[in-house]
Amino acid sequence: MPVALYTDVHIPGAITEQLRLRGVDVLSANEEGTNRLRDDELLTTASALRNITYGTADQLPRVSQELRLRCSRCGTCAVYDVGTIFSDVDVEGNSLNQQYAFTGYFRCHKCASAGPWEIDDSRKLSKLALRAKADSNFEGFRAGRCTLFDGTFIQTPAMGEEHLLGLLEDEPQNAFLCTRLGNLFRGCDDKTKASECRLKSWKVVGAFRIRWPEARPHPR
């Protein structure tokens, strides 16, 4: 059965067109007139149409639920508050790989790694998937793919944090990256870190404006 996508307002139209050229069934929020809906309303609309919602990581619903995971770095298994679980199928050559992403912010209790992660409680995961199939209003399990603004796939917000901090190392005065990092923290309800990033972006913009040279007439 082919997968149908529902692209959010932030997804460029060029991506939508290229997906359609490749035979993918895509609905666009801009084209459907749902571009002014709140994120939760858009998710409800997409679920009613049986489409996967494609958006960015800072727009995800806030849910608290626990699941046992295994850290791929050190092999330690522990229970984490994973938030909403997103299920996606990644195509590699002739094989299909099931991928899971989580909206909760957490790191490995032993090695502090941001990921990647493996499911260590497939039974509970299956129950959540069945519940989502029976109840379209259940926010704990959805079909979808978690990405950042640049299309980078992330399994957790902590992985997104590391990616954005890496970009900021190369461009420490990039206010846009500071804002995206703040939005990521806001998405996992870390208001303190979100405010710090927003304040830093304002300072960067303010400093840039102060350093902007005034126009002076050239002598003839």
N, C-alpha and C. Protein backbone atom coordinates (compact mmCIF):
# COMPACT_ATOMS: atom_id res chain seq x y z
N MET A 1 0.85 -1.19 0.00
CA MET A 1 0.00 0.00 0.00
C MET A 1 0.88 1.25 0.00
N PRO A 2 0.72 2.18 -0.93
CA PRO A 2 1.56 3.38 -0.98
C PRO A 2 1.29 4.29 0.21
N VAL A 3 2.33 5.02 0.63
CA VAL A 3 2.23 5.94 1.75
C VAL A 3 1.79 7.31 1.25
N ALA A 4 0.84 7.93 1.96
CA ALA A 4 0.37 9.27 1.60
C ALA A 4 0.94 10.27 2.60
N LEU A 5 1.41 11.39 2.11
CA LEU A 5 2.02 12.40 2.96
C LEU A 5 1.14 13.65 3.03
N TYR A 6 1.26 14.37 4.15
CA TYR A 6 0.59 15.65 4.33
C TYR A 6 1.66 16.63 4.78
N THR A 7 2.09 17.54 3.90
CA THR A 7 3.21 18.42 4.22
C THR A 7 2.73 19.68 4.94
N ASP A 8 3.48 20.06 5.97
CA ASP A 8 3.18 21.26 6.74
C ASP A 8 3.59 22.51 5.96
N VAL A 9 3.21 23.66 6.48
CA VAL A 9 3.45 24.94 5.80
C VAL A 9 4.94 25.22 5.64
N HIS A 10 5.80 24.66 6.51
CA HIS A 10 7.22 24.95 6.46
C HIS A 10 7.97 24.11 5.42
N ILE A 11 7.31 23.11 4.84
CA ILE A 11 7.99 22.27 3.85
C ILE A 11 7.97 22.96 2.49
N PRO A 12 9.14 23.20 1.87
CA PRO A 12 9.19 23.90 0.58
C PRO A 12 8.35 23.22 -0.49
N GLY A 13 7.72 24.02 -1.34
CA GLY A 13 6.89 23.49 -2.41
C GLY A 13 7.67 22.63 -3.38
N ALA A 14 8.98 22.92 -3.54
CA ALA A 14 9.81 22.13 -4.44
C ALA A 14 9.89 20.67 -4.00
N ILE A 15 9.91 20.45 -2.68
CA ILE A 15 9.95 19.08 -2.16
C ILE A 15 8.64 18.38 -2.48
N THR A 16 7.53 19.08 -2.29
CA THR A 16 6.21 18.51 -2.60
C THR A 16 6.12 18.11 -4.07
N GLU A 17 6.58 18.97 -4.96
CA GLU A 17 6.51 18.69 -6.39
C GLU A 17 7.39 17.51 -6.78
N GLN A 18 8.58 17.44 -6.21
CA GLN A 18 9.48 16.33 -6.52
C GLN A 18 8.92 14.99 -6.03
N LEU A 19 8.27 15.02 -4.88
CA LEU A 19 7.64 13.79 -4.38
C LEU A 19 6.52 13.34 -5.32
N ARG A 20 5.74 14.28 -5.81
CA ARG A 20 4.66 13.95 -6.74
C ARG A 20 5.19 13.41 -8.05
N LEU A 21 6.30 13.97 -8.51
CA LEU A 21 6.91 13.49 -9.75
C LEU A 21 7.39 12.05 -9.60
N ARG A 22 7.66 11.64 -8.36
CA ARG A 22 8.10 10.27 -8.10
C ARG A 22 6.95 9.35 -7.72
N GLY A 23 5.73 9.85 -7.91
CA GLY A 23 4.55 9.00 -7.70
C GLY A 23 4.02 8.95 -6.29
N VAL A 24 4.51 9.84 -5.40
CA VAL A 24 4.04 9.85 -4.01
C VAL A 24 2.80 10.71 -3.89
N ASP A 25 1.80 10.19 -3.17
CA ASP A 25 0.55 10.93 -2.95
C ASP A 25 0.78 11.95 -1.84
N VAL A 26 0.77 13.25 -2.21
CA VAL A 26 1.08 14.31 -1.25
C VAL A 26 -0.03 15.35 -1.23
N LEU A 27 -0.46 15.70 0.00
CA LEU A 27 -1.35 16.84 0.19
C LEU A 27 -0.54 17.94 0.89
N SER A 28 -0.74 19.18 0.49
CA SER A 28 0.01 20.29 1.05
C SER A 28 -0.91 21.18 1.88
N ALA A 29 -0.44 21.58 3.07
CA ALA A 29 -1.23 22.47 3.92
C ALA A 29 -1.49 23.80 3.23
N ASN A 30 -0.51 24.27 2.46
CA ASN A 30 -0.68 25.53 1.74
C ASN A 30 -1.77 25.42 0.68
N GLU A 31 -1.81 24.29 -0.01
CA GLU A 31 -2.79 24.09 -1.08
C GLU A 31 -4.18 23.77 -0.53
N GLU A 32 -4.21 23.09 0.63
CA GLU A 32 -5.49 22.68 1.20
C GLU A 32 -6.13 23.77 2.05
N GLY A 33 -5.41 24.88 2.26
CA GLY A 33 -5.96 25.96 3.07
C GLY A 33 -5.89 25.71 4.56
N THR A 34 -5.03 24.78 5.00
CA THR A 34 -4.89 24.48 6.42
C THR A 34 -3.59 25.04 6.99
N ASN A 35 -2.98 25.99 6.27
CA ASN A 35 -1.69 26.51 6.68
C ASN A 35 -1.75 27.42 7.91
N ARG A 36 -2.95 27.79 8.35
CA ARG A 36 -3.09 28.62 9.55
C ARG A 36 -3.57 27.81 10.77
N LEU A 37 -3.70 26.51 10.61
CA LEU A 37 -4.11 25.68 11.74
C LEU A 37 -2.98 25.53 12.74
N ARG A 38 -3.35 25.34 14.02
CA ARG A 38 -2.35 25.01 15.03
C ARG A 38 -1.81 23.62 14.73
N ASP A 39 -0.63 23.29 15.30
CA ASP A 39 0.00 22.01 15.02
C ASP A 39 -0.88 20.83 15.39
N ASP A 40 -1.55 20.92 16.57
CA ASP A 40 -2.41 19.81 16.99
C ASP A 40 -3.61 19.66 16.07
N GLU A 41 -4.14 20.78 15.57
CA GLU A 41 -5.27 20.71 14.64
C GLU A 41 -4.85 20.12 13.30
N LEU A 42 -3.64 20.46 12.86
CA LEU A 42 -3.14 19.92 11.60
C LEU A 42 -2.92 18.41 11.70
N LEU A 43 -2.40 17.96 12.84
CA LEU A 43 -2.19 16.53 13.05
C LEU A 43 -3.52 15.78 13.04
N THR A 44 -4.54 16.38 13.65
CA THR A 44 -5.87 15.75 13.66
C THR A 44 -6.43 15.66 12.25
N THR A 45 -6.27 16.74 11.47
CA THR A 45 -6.74 16.75 10.08
C THR A 45 -6.04 15.68 9.25
N ALA A 46 -4.71 15.60 9.40
CA ALA A 46 -3.95 14.60 8.64
C ALA A 46 -4.34 13.19 9.03
N SER A 47 -4.57 12.96 10.33
CA SER A 47 -4.97 11.62 10.79
C SER A 47 -6.33 11.23 10.23
N ALA A 48 -7.24 12.20 10.17
CA ALA A 48 -8.58 11.92 9.64
C ALA A 48 -8.52 11.53 8.16
N LEU A 49 -7.54 12.08 7.45
CA LEU A 49 -7.37 11.77 6.03
C LEU A 49 -6.45 10.56 5.82
N ARG A 50 -5.98 9.97 6.94
CA ARG A 50 -5.09 8.81 6.89
C ARG A 50 -3.79 9.13 6.17
N ASN A 51 -3.31 10.31 6.39
CA ASN A 51 -2.03 10.73 5.81
C ASN A 51 -0.99 10.88 6.91
N ILE A 52 0.28 10.68 6.56
CA ILE A 52 1.37 10.96 7.46
C ILE A 52 1.65 12.45 7.43
N THR A 53 1.82 13.04 8.59
CA THR A 53 2.15 14.46 8.65
C THR A 53 3.66 14.63 8.60
N TYR A 54 4.11 15.50 7.70
CA TYR A 54 5.54 15.75 7.55
C TYR A 54 5.82 17.17 8.01
N GLY A 55 6.58 17.29 9.08
CA GLY A 55 6.89 18.59 9.62
C GLY A 55 8.28 18.63 10.20
N THR A 56 8.55 19.58 11.09
CA THR A 56 9.87 19.68 11.70
C THR A 56 9.79 19.40 13.19
N ALA A 57 10.95 19.12 13.78
CA ALA A 57 10.98 18.58 15.13
C ALA A 57 10.39 19.49 16.19
N ASP A 58 10.43 20.81 16.03
CA ASP A 58 9.92 21.71 17.06
C ASP A 58 8.40 21.86 17.02
N GLN A 59 7.72 21.12 16.13
CA GLN A 59 6.26 21.25 16.02
C GLN A 59 5.52 20.04 16.59
N LEU A 60 6.21 19.13 17.27
CA LEU A 60 5.61 17.87 17.66
C LEU A 60 4.77 18.01 18.93
N PRO A 61 3.76 17.16 19.10
CA PRO A 61 2.90 17.22 20.29
C PRO A 61 3.66 16.81 21.54
N ARG A 62 3.22 17.32 22.70
CA ARG A 62 3.88 17.01 23.96
C ARG A 62 3.12 15.92 24.68
N VAL A 63 3.74 14.77 24.83
CA VAL A 63 3.13 13.60 25.47
C VAL A 63 4.14 13.01 26.44
N SER A 64 3.68 12.49 27.56
CA SER A 64 4.56 11.83 28.52
C SER A 64 4.18 10.35 28.61
N GLN A 65 5.11 9.48 28.20
CA GLN A 65 4.90 8.04 28.33
C GLN A 65 6.27 7.36 28.33
N GLU A 66 6.37 6.24 29.05
CA GLU A 66 7.64 5.58 29.23
C GLU A 66 7.79 4.36 28.34
N LEU A 67 9.04 4.10 27.93
CA LEU A 67 9.35 2.93 27.10
C LEU A 67 10.79 2.52 27.39
N ARG A 68 11.01 1.22 27.40
CA ARG A 68 12.35 0.71 27.66
C ARG A 68 13.15 0.68 26.36
N LEU A 69 14.33 1.32 26.38
CA LEU A 69 15.18 1.42 25.19
C LEU A 69 16.59 0.91 25.50
N ARG A 70 17.30 0.56 24.43
CA ARG A 70 18.70 0.16 24.55
C ARG A 70 19.58 1.18 23.83
N CYS A 71 20.58 1.69 24.53
CA CYS A 71 21.52 2.62 23.93
C CYS A 71 22.44 1.88 22.97
N SER A 72 22.50 2.31 21.73
CA SER A 72 23.33 1.63 20.73
C SER A 72 24.82 1.89 20.97
N ARG A 73 25.15 2.93 21.71
CA ARG A 73 26.56 3.25 21.97
C ARG A 73 27.18 2.33 23.01
N CYS A 74 26.48 2.14 24.14
CA CYS A 74 27.07 1.35 25.23
C CYS A 74 26.28 0.08 25.56
N GLY A 75 25.08 -0.08 24.98
CA GLY A 75 24.30 -1.29 25.19
C GLY A 75 23.46 -1.30 26.44
N THR A 76 23.45 -0.19 27.19
CA THR A 76 22.68 -0.13 28.43
C THR A 76 21.19 0.00 28.16
N CYS A 77 20.39 -0.78 28.88
CA CYS A 77 18.92 -0.72 28.74
C CYS A 77 18.34 0.02 29.94
N ALA A 78 17.38 0.89 29.68
CA ALA A 78 16.73 1.65 30.75
C ALA A 78 15.39 2.16 30.25
N VAL A 79 14.56 2.60 31.19
CA VAL A 79 13.25 3.16 30.87
C VAL A 79 13.36 4.67 30.79
N TYR A 80 12.80 5.24 29.71
CA TYR A 80 12.86 6.69 29.50
C TYR A 80 11.47 7.24 29.19
N ASP A 81 11.27 8.50 29.52
CA ASP A 81 10.05 9.20 29.11
C ASP A 81 10.28 9.63 27.66
N VAL A 82 9.72 8.89 26.72
CA VAL A 82 10.04 9.08 25.30
C VAL A 82 9.12 10.07 24.60
N GLY A 83 8.01 10.46 25.24
CA GLY A 83 7.05 11.34 24.58
C GLY A 83 6.29 10.60 23.49
N THR A 84 5.91 11.29 22.44
CA THR A 84 5.23 10.67 21.31
C THR A 84 6.22 9.83 20.50
N ILE A 85 5.78 8.66 20.06
CA ILE A 85 6.61 7.78 19.24
C ILE A 85 6.19 7.93 17.79
N PHE A 86 7.16 8.18 16.92
CA PHE A 86 6.89 8.28 15.49
C PHE A 86 7.50 7.07 14.78
N SER A 87 6.70 6.45 13.92
CA SER A 87 7.13 5.27 13.18
C SER A 87 7.29 5.60 11.71
N ASP A 88 8.40 5.19 11.14
CA ASP A 88 8.68 5.51 9.74
C ASP A 88 9.42 4.34 9.10
N VAL A 89 9.20 4.11 7.82
CA VAL A 89 9.89 3.06 7.08
C VAL A 89 10.91 3.71 6.17
N ASP A 90 12.18 3.34 6.34
CA ASP A 90 13.26 3.89 5.53
C ASP A 90 13.64 2.86 4.46
N VAL A 91 13.69 3.32 3.22
CA VAL A 91 14.01 2.44 2.11
C VAL A 91 15.50 2.53 1.80
N GLU A 92 16.19 1.40 1.88
CA GLU A 92 17.60 1.32 1.53
C GLU A 92 17.80 0.21 0.52
N GLY A 93 17.98 0.60 -0.74
CA GLY A 93 18.11 -0.40 -1.80
C GLY A 93 16.82 -1.18 -1.95
N ASN A 94 16.90 -2.49 -1.77
CA ASN A 94 15.72 -3.35 -1.87
C ASN A 94 15.16 -3.73 -0.51
N SER A 95 15.69 -3.14 0.56
CA SER A 95 15.24 -3.49 1.90
C SER A 95 14.49 -2.33 2.56
N LEU A 96 13.59 -2.68 3.48
CA LEU A 96 12.82 -1.70 4.23
C LEU A 96 13.22 -1.79 5.70
N ASN A 97 13.60 -0.67 6.28
CA ASN A 97 14.01 -0.62 7.68
C ASN A 97 13.03 0.22 8.49
N GLN A 98 12.49 -0.39 9.55
CA GLN A 98 11.57 0.33 10.41
C GLN A 98 12.36 1.24 11.35
N GLN A 99 12.00 2.52 11.38
CA GLN A 99 12.67 3.47 12.25
C GLN A 99 11.68 4.09 13.22
N TYR A 100 12.16 4.35 14.44
CA TYR A 100 11.32 4.98 15.45
C TYR A 100 12.02 6.23 15.98
N ALA A 101 11.22 7.27 16.19
CA ALA A 101 11.74 8.52 16.75
C ALA A 101 10.85 8.93 17.92
N PHE A 102 11.41 9.76 18.80
CA PHE A 102 10.72 10.12 20.04
C PHE A 102 10.81 11.63 20.27
N THR A 103 9.75 12.21 20.83
CA THR A 103 9.72 13.65 21.04
C THR A 103 10.26 14.06 22.41
N GLY A 104 10.46 13.11 23.31
CA GLY A 104 10.98 13.43 24.64
C GLY A 104 12.49 13.66 24.62
N TYR A 105 12.96 14.56 25.49
CA TYR A 105 14.40 14.81 25.60
C TYR A 105 14.98 13.89 26.68
N PHE A 106 15.94 13.07 26.30
CA PHE A 106 16.61 12.19 27.26
C PHE A 106 17.97 11.78 26.69
N ARG A 107 18.84 11.36 27.59
CA ARG A 107 20.15 10.84 27.23
C ARG A 107 20.41 9.56 28.01
N CYS A 108 21.34 8.76 27.53
CA CYS A 108 21.65 7.49 28.18
C CYS A 108 22.08 7.73 29.63
N HIS A 109 21.50 6.95 30.53
CA HIS A 109 21.82 7.09 31.94
C HIS A 109 23.29 6.76 32.25
N LYS A 110 23.91 5.94 31.40
CA LYS A 110 25.28 5.50 31.68
C LYS A 110 26.32 6.33 30.94
N CYS A 111 26.17 6.49 29.62
CA CYS A 111 27.20 7.17 28.82
C CYS A 111 26.80 8.56 28.36
N ALA A 112 25.58 9.00 28.68
CA ALA A 112 25.08 10.34 28.33
C ALA A 112 24.94 10.55 26.82
N SER A 113 24.91 9.46 26.07
CA SER A 113 24.75 9.57 24.62
C SER A 113 23.34 10.03 24.26
N ALA A 114 23.23 10.78 23.17
CA ALA A 114 21.92 11.22 22.67
C ALA A 114 21.26 10.14 21.82
N GLY A 115 21.98 9.12 21.45
CA GLY A 115 21.46 8.06 20.60
C GLY A 115 22.53 7.59 19.63
N PRO A 116 22.18 6.69 18.74
CA PRO A 116 20.85 6.17 18.45
C PRO A 116 20.36 5.14 19.47
N TRP A 117 19.04 4.79 19.32
CA TRP A 117 18.37 3.93 20.27
C TRP A 117 17.71 2.75 19.57
N GLU A 118 17.60 1.63 20.33
CA GLU A 118 16.89 0.45 19.86
C GLU A 118 15.76 0.15 20.83
N ILE A 119 14.66 -0.37 20.31
CA ILE A 119 13.51 -0.72 21.16
C ILE A 119 13.84 -1.96 21.98
N ASP A 120 13.63 -1.90 23.30
CA ASP A 120 13.89 -3.05 24.16
C ASP A 120 12.61 -3.61 24.75
N ASP A 121 11.48 -3.04 24.38
CA ASP A 121 10.17 -3.53 24.84
C ASP A 121 9.21 -3.51 23.66
N SER A 122 9.41 -4.45 22.74
CA SER A 122 8.60 -4.50 21.52
C SER A 122 7.13 -4.81 21.82
N ARG A 123 6.88 -5.50 22.93
CA ARG A 123 5.50 -5.84 23.28
C ARG A 123 4.70 -4.58 23.60
N LYS A 124 5.27 -3.69 24.41
CA LYS A 124 4.58 -2.44 24.74
C LYS A 124 4.44 -1.57 23.50
N LEU A 125 5.46 -1.56 22.66
CA LEU A 125 5.41 -0.76 21.43
C LEU A 125 4.25 -1.23 20.54
N SER A 126 4.07 -2.55 20.45
CA SER A 126 2.98 -3.10 19.63
C SER A 126 1.62 -2.70 20.20
N LYS A 127 1.51 -2.69 21.53
CA LYS A 127 0.26 -2.27 22.16
C LYS A 127 -0.06 -0.81 21.86
N LEU A 128 0.96 0.03 21.89
CA LEU A 128 0.75 1.45 21.59
C LEU A 128 0.34 1.65 20.13
N ALA A 129 0.94 0.86 19.23
CA ALA A 129 0.59 0.95 17.82
C ALA A 129 -0.85 0.52 17.58
N LEU A 130 -1.29 -0.53 18.27
CA LEU A 130 -2.67 -1.00 18.15
C LEU A 130 -3.65 0.02 18.72
N ARG A 131 -3.27 0.65 19.82
CA ARG A 131 -4.13 1.67 20.42
C ARG A 131 -4.31 2.85 19.46
N ALA A 132 -3.19 3.25 18.81
CA ALA A 132 -3.26 4.36 17.86
C ALA A 132 -4.15 4.01 16.66
N LYS A 133 -4.12 2.76 16.26
CA LYS A 133 -4.95 2.33 15.14
C LYS A 133 -6.43 2.36 15.50
N ALA A 134 -6.74 2.05 16.77
CA ALA A 134 -8.14 2.02 17.21
C ALA A 134 -8.67 3.39 17.62
N ASP A 135 -7.75 4.28 18.04
CA ASP A 135 -8.16 5.59 18.53
C ASP A 135 -7.37 6.68 17.79
N SER A 136 -8.00 7.38 16.87
CA SER A 136 -7.32 8.40 16.06
C SER A 136 -6.92 9.62 16.89
N ASN A 137 -7.48 9.77 18.10
CA ASN A 137 -7.13 10.90 18.96
C ASN A 137 -5.94 10.61 19.88
N PHE A 138 -5.44 9.38 19.85
CA PHE A 138 -4.30 9.01 20.70
C PHE A 138 -3.02 9.64 20.14
N GLU A 139 -2.35 10.46 20.97
CA GLU A 139 -1.16 11.20 20.53
C GLU A 139 0.14 10.45 20.79
N GLY A 140 0.07 9.28 21.41
CA GLY A 140 1.29 8.60 21.83
C GLY A 140 2.03 7.87 20.74
N PHE A 141 1.37 7.59 19.62
CA PHE A 141 2.02 6.83 18.54
C PHE A 141 1.47 7.31 17.21
N ARG A 142 2.38 7.72 16.32
CA ARG A 142 1.97 8.24 15.02
C ARG A 142 2.91 7.78 13.93
N ALA A 143 2.40 7.77 12.72
CA ALA A 143 3.25 7.54 11.56
C ALA A 143 3.86 8.86 11.14
N GLY A 144 5.16 8.90 10.95
CA GLY A 144 5.79 10.15 10.57
C GLY A 144 7.30 10.08 10.71
N ARG A 145 7.95 11.14 10.34
CA ARG A 145 9.41 11.22 10.35
C ARG A 145 9.82 12.53 11.02
N CYS A 146 10.72 12.47 11.99
CA CYS A 146 11.17 13.65 12.71
C CYS A 146 12.39 14.25 12.02
N THR A 147 12.29 15.50 11.64
CA THR A 147 13.40 16.17 10.97
C THR A 147 13.62 17.56 11.54
N LEU A 148 14.80 18.09 11.28
CA LEU A 148 15.10 19.48 11.59
C LEU A 148 14.82 20.35 10.37
N PHE A 149 15.11 21.64 10.50
CA PHE A 149 14.79 22.58 9.43
C PHE A 149 15.52 22.24 8.13
N ASP A 150 16.70 21.61 8.24
CA ASP A 150 17.50 21.30 7.05
C ASP A 150 17.25 19.90 6.51
N GLY A 151 16.21 19.23 7.05
CA GLY A 151 15.86 17.90 6.58
C GLY A 151 16.59 16.78 7.28
N THR A 152 17.46 17.09 8.24
CA THR A 152 18.21 16.06 8.96
C THR A 152 17.28 15.22 9.83
N PHE A 153 17.32 13.90 9.67
CA PHE A 153 16.51 13.01 10.49
C PHE A 153 17.11 12.92 11.88
N ILE A 154 16.27 13.04 12.90
CA ILE A 154 16.72 12.88 14.29
C ILE A 154 15.80 11.90 15.00
N GLN A 155 16.39 11.06 15.83
CA GLN A 155 15.59 10.10 16.59
C GLN A 155 15.07 10.69 17.89
N THR A 156 15.79 11.68 18.42
CA THR A 156 15.39 12.34 19.66
C THR A 156 15.77 13.82 19.59
N PRO A 157 15.13 14.68 20.39
CA PRO A 157 15.55 16.08 20.45
C PRO A 157 17.00 16.24 20.88
N ALA A 158 17.51 15.33 21.70
CA ALA A 158 18.91 15.41 22.12
C ALA A 158 19.85 15.25 20.93
N MET A 159 19.49 14.39 19.98
CA MET A 159 20.28 14.24 18.76
C MET A 159 20.19 15.52 17.92
N GLY A 160 19.02 16.14 17.91
CA GLY A 160 18.86 17.41 17.21
C GLY A 160 19.69 18.50 17.85
N GLU A 161 19.76 18.49 19.18
CA GLU A 161 20.57 19.47 19.89
C GLU A 161 22.04 19.36 19.47
N GLU A 162 22.56 18.13 19.40
CA GLU A 162 23.96 17.93 19.04
C GLU A 162 24.22 18.39 17.60
N HIS A 163 23.27 18.13 16.71
CA HIS A 163 23.44 18.54 15.32
C HIS A 163 23.48 20.07 15.21
N LEU A 164 22.56 20.74 15.88
CA LEU A 164 22.50 22.20 15.81
C LEU A 164 23.70 22.85 16.50
N LEU A 165 24.14 22.28 17.61
CA LEU A 165 25.32 22.82 18.28
C LEU A 165 26.56 22.67 17.40
N GLY A 166 26.61 21.58 16.62
CA GLY A 166 27.71 21.40 15.69
C GLY A 166 27.71 22.47 14.61
N LEU A 167 26.51 22.82 14.12
CA LEU A 167 26.40 23.90 13.14
C LEU A 167 26.79 25.24 13.74
N LEU A 168 26.42 25.44 15.01
CA LEU A 168 26.74 26.71 15.68
C LEU A 168 28.23 26.85 15.97
N GLU A 169 28.94 25.74 16.08
CA GLU A 169 30.39 25.82 16.25
C GLU A 169 31.05 26.46 15.04
N ASP A 170 30.48 26.16 13.86
CA ASP A 170 31.02 26.74 12.63
C ASP A 170 30.51 28.16 12.40
N GLU A 171 29.29 28.44 12.90
CA GLU A 171 28.71 29.77 12.73
C GLU A 171 28.14 30.26 14.06
N PRO A 172 29.00 30.63 15.00
CA PRO A 172 28.53 31.01 16.35
C PRO A 172 27.65 32.26 16.38
N GLN A 173 27.71 33.08 15.34
CA GLN A 173 26.91 34.31 15.31
C GLN A 173 25.67 34.16 14.44
N ASN A 174 25.27 32.94 14.17
CA ASN A 174 24.10 32.69 13.33
C ASN A 174 22.84 32.72 14.20
N ALA A 175 22.09 33.81 14.14
CA ALA A 175 20.89 33.97 14.96
C ALA A 175 19.81 32.97 14.57
N PHE A 176 19.75 32.62 13.29
CA PHE A 176 18.73 31.67 12.84
C PHE A 176 18.93 30.30 13.51
N LEU A 177 20.19 29.84 13.58
CA LEU A 177 20.47 28.55 14.22
C LEU A 177 20.14 28.61 15.71
N CYS A 178 20.42 29.73 16.36
CA CYS A 178 20.07 29.90 17.78
C CYS A 178 18.56 29.77 17.97
N THR A 179 17.82 30.37 17.05
CA THR A 179 16.36 30.32 17.13
C THR A 179 15.85 28.90 16.93
N ARG A 180 16.44 28.18 15.96
CA ARG A 180 16.00 26.79 15.72
C ARG A 180 16.30 25.91 16.93
N LEU A 181 17.44 26.13 17.57
CA LEU A 181 17.76 25.37 18.77
C LEU A 181 16.77 25.68 19.88
N GLY A 182 16.41 26.95 19.99
CA GLY A 182 15.40 27.34 20.98
C GLY A 182 14.06 26.70 20.71
N ASN A 183 13.67 26.64 19.44
CA ASN A 183 12.40 25.99 19.07
C ASN A 183 12.42 24.51 19.40
N LEU A 184 13.59 23.89 19.24
CA LEU A 184 13.73 22.47 19.58
C LEU A 184 13.49 22.25 21.07
N PHE A 185 14.10 23.10 21.90
CA PHE A 185 13.89 22.98 23.35
C PHE A 185 12.45 23.30 23.72
N ARG A 186 11.85 24.26 23.03
CA ARG A 186 10.46 24.60 23.29
C ARG A 186 9.55 23.41 22.98
N GLY A 187 9.90 22.67 21.92
CA GLY A 187 9.10 21.51 21.54
C GLY A 187 9.09 20.41 22.58
N CYS A 188 10.20 20.29 23.35
CA CYS A 188 10.22 19.28 24.42
C CYS A 188 10.01 19.93 25.79
N ASP A 189 9.42 21.13 25.78
CA ASP A 189 8.95 21.83 26.97
C ASP A 189 10.06 22.21 27.93
N ASP A 190 11.26 22.49 27.40
CA ASP A 190 12.35 23.00 28.23
C ASP A 190 12.38 24.51 28.04
N LYS A 191 11.57 25.22 28.83
CA LYS A 191 11.41 26.65 28.65
C LYS A 191 12.67 27.43 29.00
N THR A 192 13.45 26.93 29.96
CA THR A 192 14.66 27.63 30.37
C THR A 192 15.68 27.69 29.23
N LYS A 193 15.98 26.53 28.64
CA LYS A 193 16.94 26.49 27.54
C LYS A 193 16.40 27.22 26.32
N ALA A 194 15.08 27.13 26.09
CA ALA A 194 14.48 27.83 24.96
C ALA A 194 14.65 29.34 25.10
N SER A 195 14.45 29.85 26.32
CA SER A 195 14.61 31.29 26.56
C SER A 195 16.06 31.72 26.40
N GLU A 196 17.01 30.88 26.84
CA GLU A 196 18.43 31.20 26.70
C GLU A 196 18.82 31.34 25.23
N CYS A 197 18.32 30.41 24.40
CA CYS A 197 18.63 30.45 22.97
C CYS A 197 17.99 31.67 22.30
N ARG A 198 16.76 31.99 22.72
CA ARG A 198 16.08 33.15 22.14
C ARG A 198 16.82 34.44 22.50
N LEU A 199 17.28 34.53 23.76
CA LEU A 199 18.02 35.71 24.20
C LEU A 199 19.33 35.85 23.43
N LYS A 200 20.01 34.72 23.21
CA LYS A 200 21.27 34.75 22.47
C LYS A 200 21.05 35.22 21.04
N SER A 201 19.96 34.75 20.41
CA SER A 201 19.67 35.16 19.02
C SER A 201 19.39 36.66 18.96
N TRP A 202 18.70 37.19 19.97
CA TRP A 202 18.42 38.63 20.00
C TRP A 202 19.72 39.43 20.15
N LYS A 203 20.64 38.94 20.99
CA LYS A 203 21.91 39.62 21.19
C LYS A 203 22.73 39.62 19.91
N VAL A 204 22.70 38.48 19.19
CA VAL A 204 23.44 38.40 17.93
C VAL A 204 22.90 39.40 16.93
N VAL A 205 21.56 39.44 16.80
CA VAL A 205 20.93 40.38 15.87
C VAL A 205 21.23 41.81 16.28
N GLY A 206 21.17 42.10 17.59
CA GLY A 206 21.43 43.45 18.08
C GLY A 206 22.86 43.88 17.82
N ALA A 207 23.81 42.95 18.05
CA ALA A 207 25.22 43.26 17.81
C ALA A 207 25.47 43.52 16.33
N PHE A 208 24.80 42.75 15.50
CA PHE A 208 24.96 42.93 14.06
C PHE A 208 24.47 44.31 13.64
N ARG A 209 23.37 44.73 14.22
CA ARG A 209 22.83 46.04 13.86
C ARG A 209 23.73 47.17 14.35
N ILE A 210 24.34 46.97 15.52
CA ILE A 210 25.23 48.00 16.06
C ILE A 210 26.47 48.14 15.20
N ARG A 211 26.98 47.01 14.69
CA ARG A 211 28.20 47.05 13.89
C ARG A 211 27.95 47.50 12.46
N TRP A 212 26.70 47.60 12.05
CA TRP A 212 26.39 47.95 10.67
C TRP A 212 26.85 49.38 10.38
N PRO A 213 27.73 49.57 9.41
CA PRO A 213 28.29 50.91 9.16
C PRO A 213 27.25 51.85 8.58
N GLU A 214 27.38 53.12 8.96
CA GLU A 214 26.47 54.12 8.43
C GLU A 214 26.90 54.52 7.01
N ALA A 215 25.92 54.86 6.19
CA ALA A 215 26.22 55.27 4.83
C ALA A 215 26.86 56.66 4.83
N ARG A 216 27.97 56.79 4.15
CA ARG A 216 28.66 58.08 4.09
C ARG A 216 28.88 58.47 2.64
N PRO A 217 28.77 59.75 2.36
CA PRO A 217 28.98 60.20 0.97
C PRO A 217 30.44 60.04 0.57
N HIS A 218 30.66 59.61 -0.65
CA HIS A 218 32.03 59.47 -1.16
C HIS A 218 32.53 60.82 -1.64
N PRO A 219 33.78 61.17 -1.29
CA PRO A 219 34.34 62.45 -1.74
C PRO A 219 34.57 62.43 -3.25
N ARG A 220 34.35 63.55 -3.88
CA ARG A 220 34.55 63.65 -5.33
C ARG A 220 35.91 64.30 -5.64
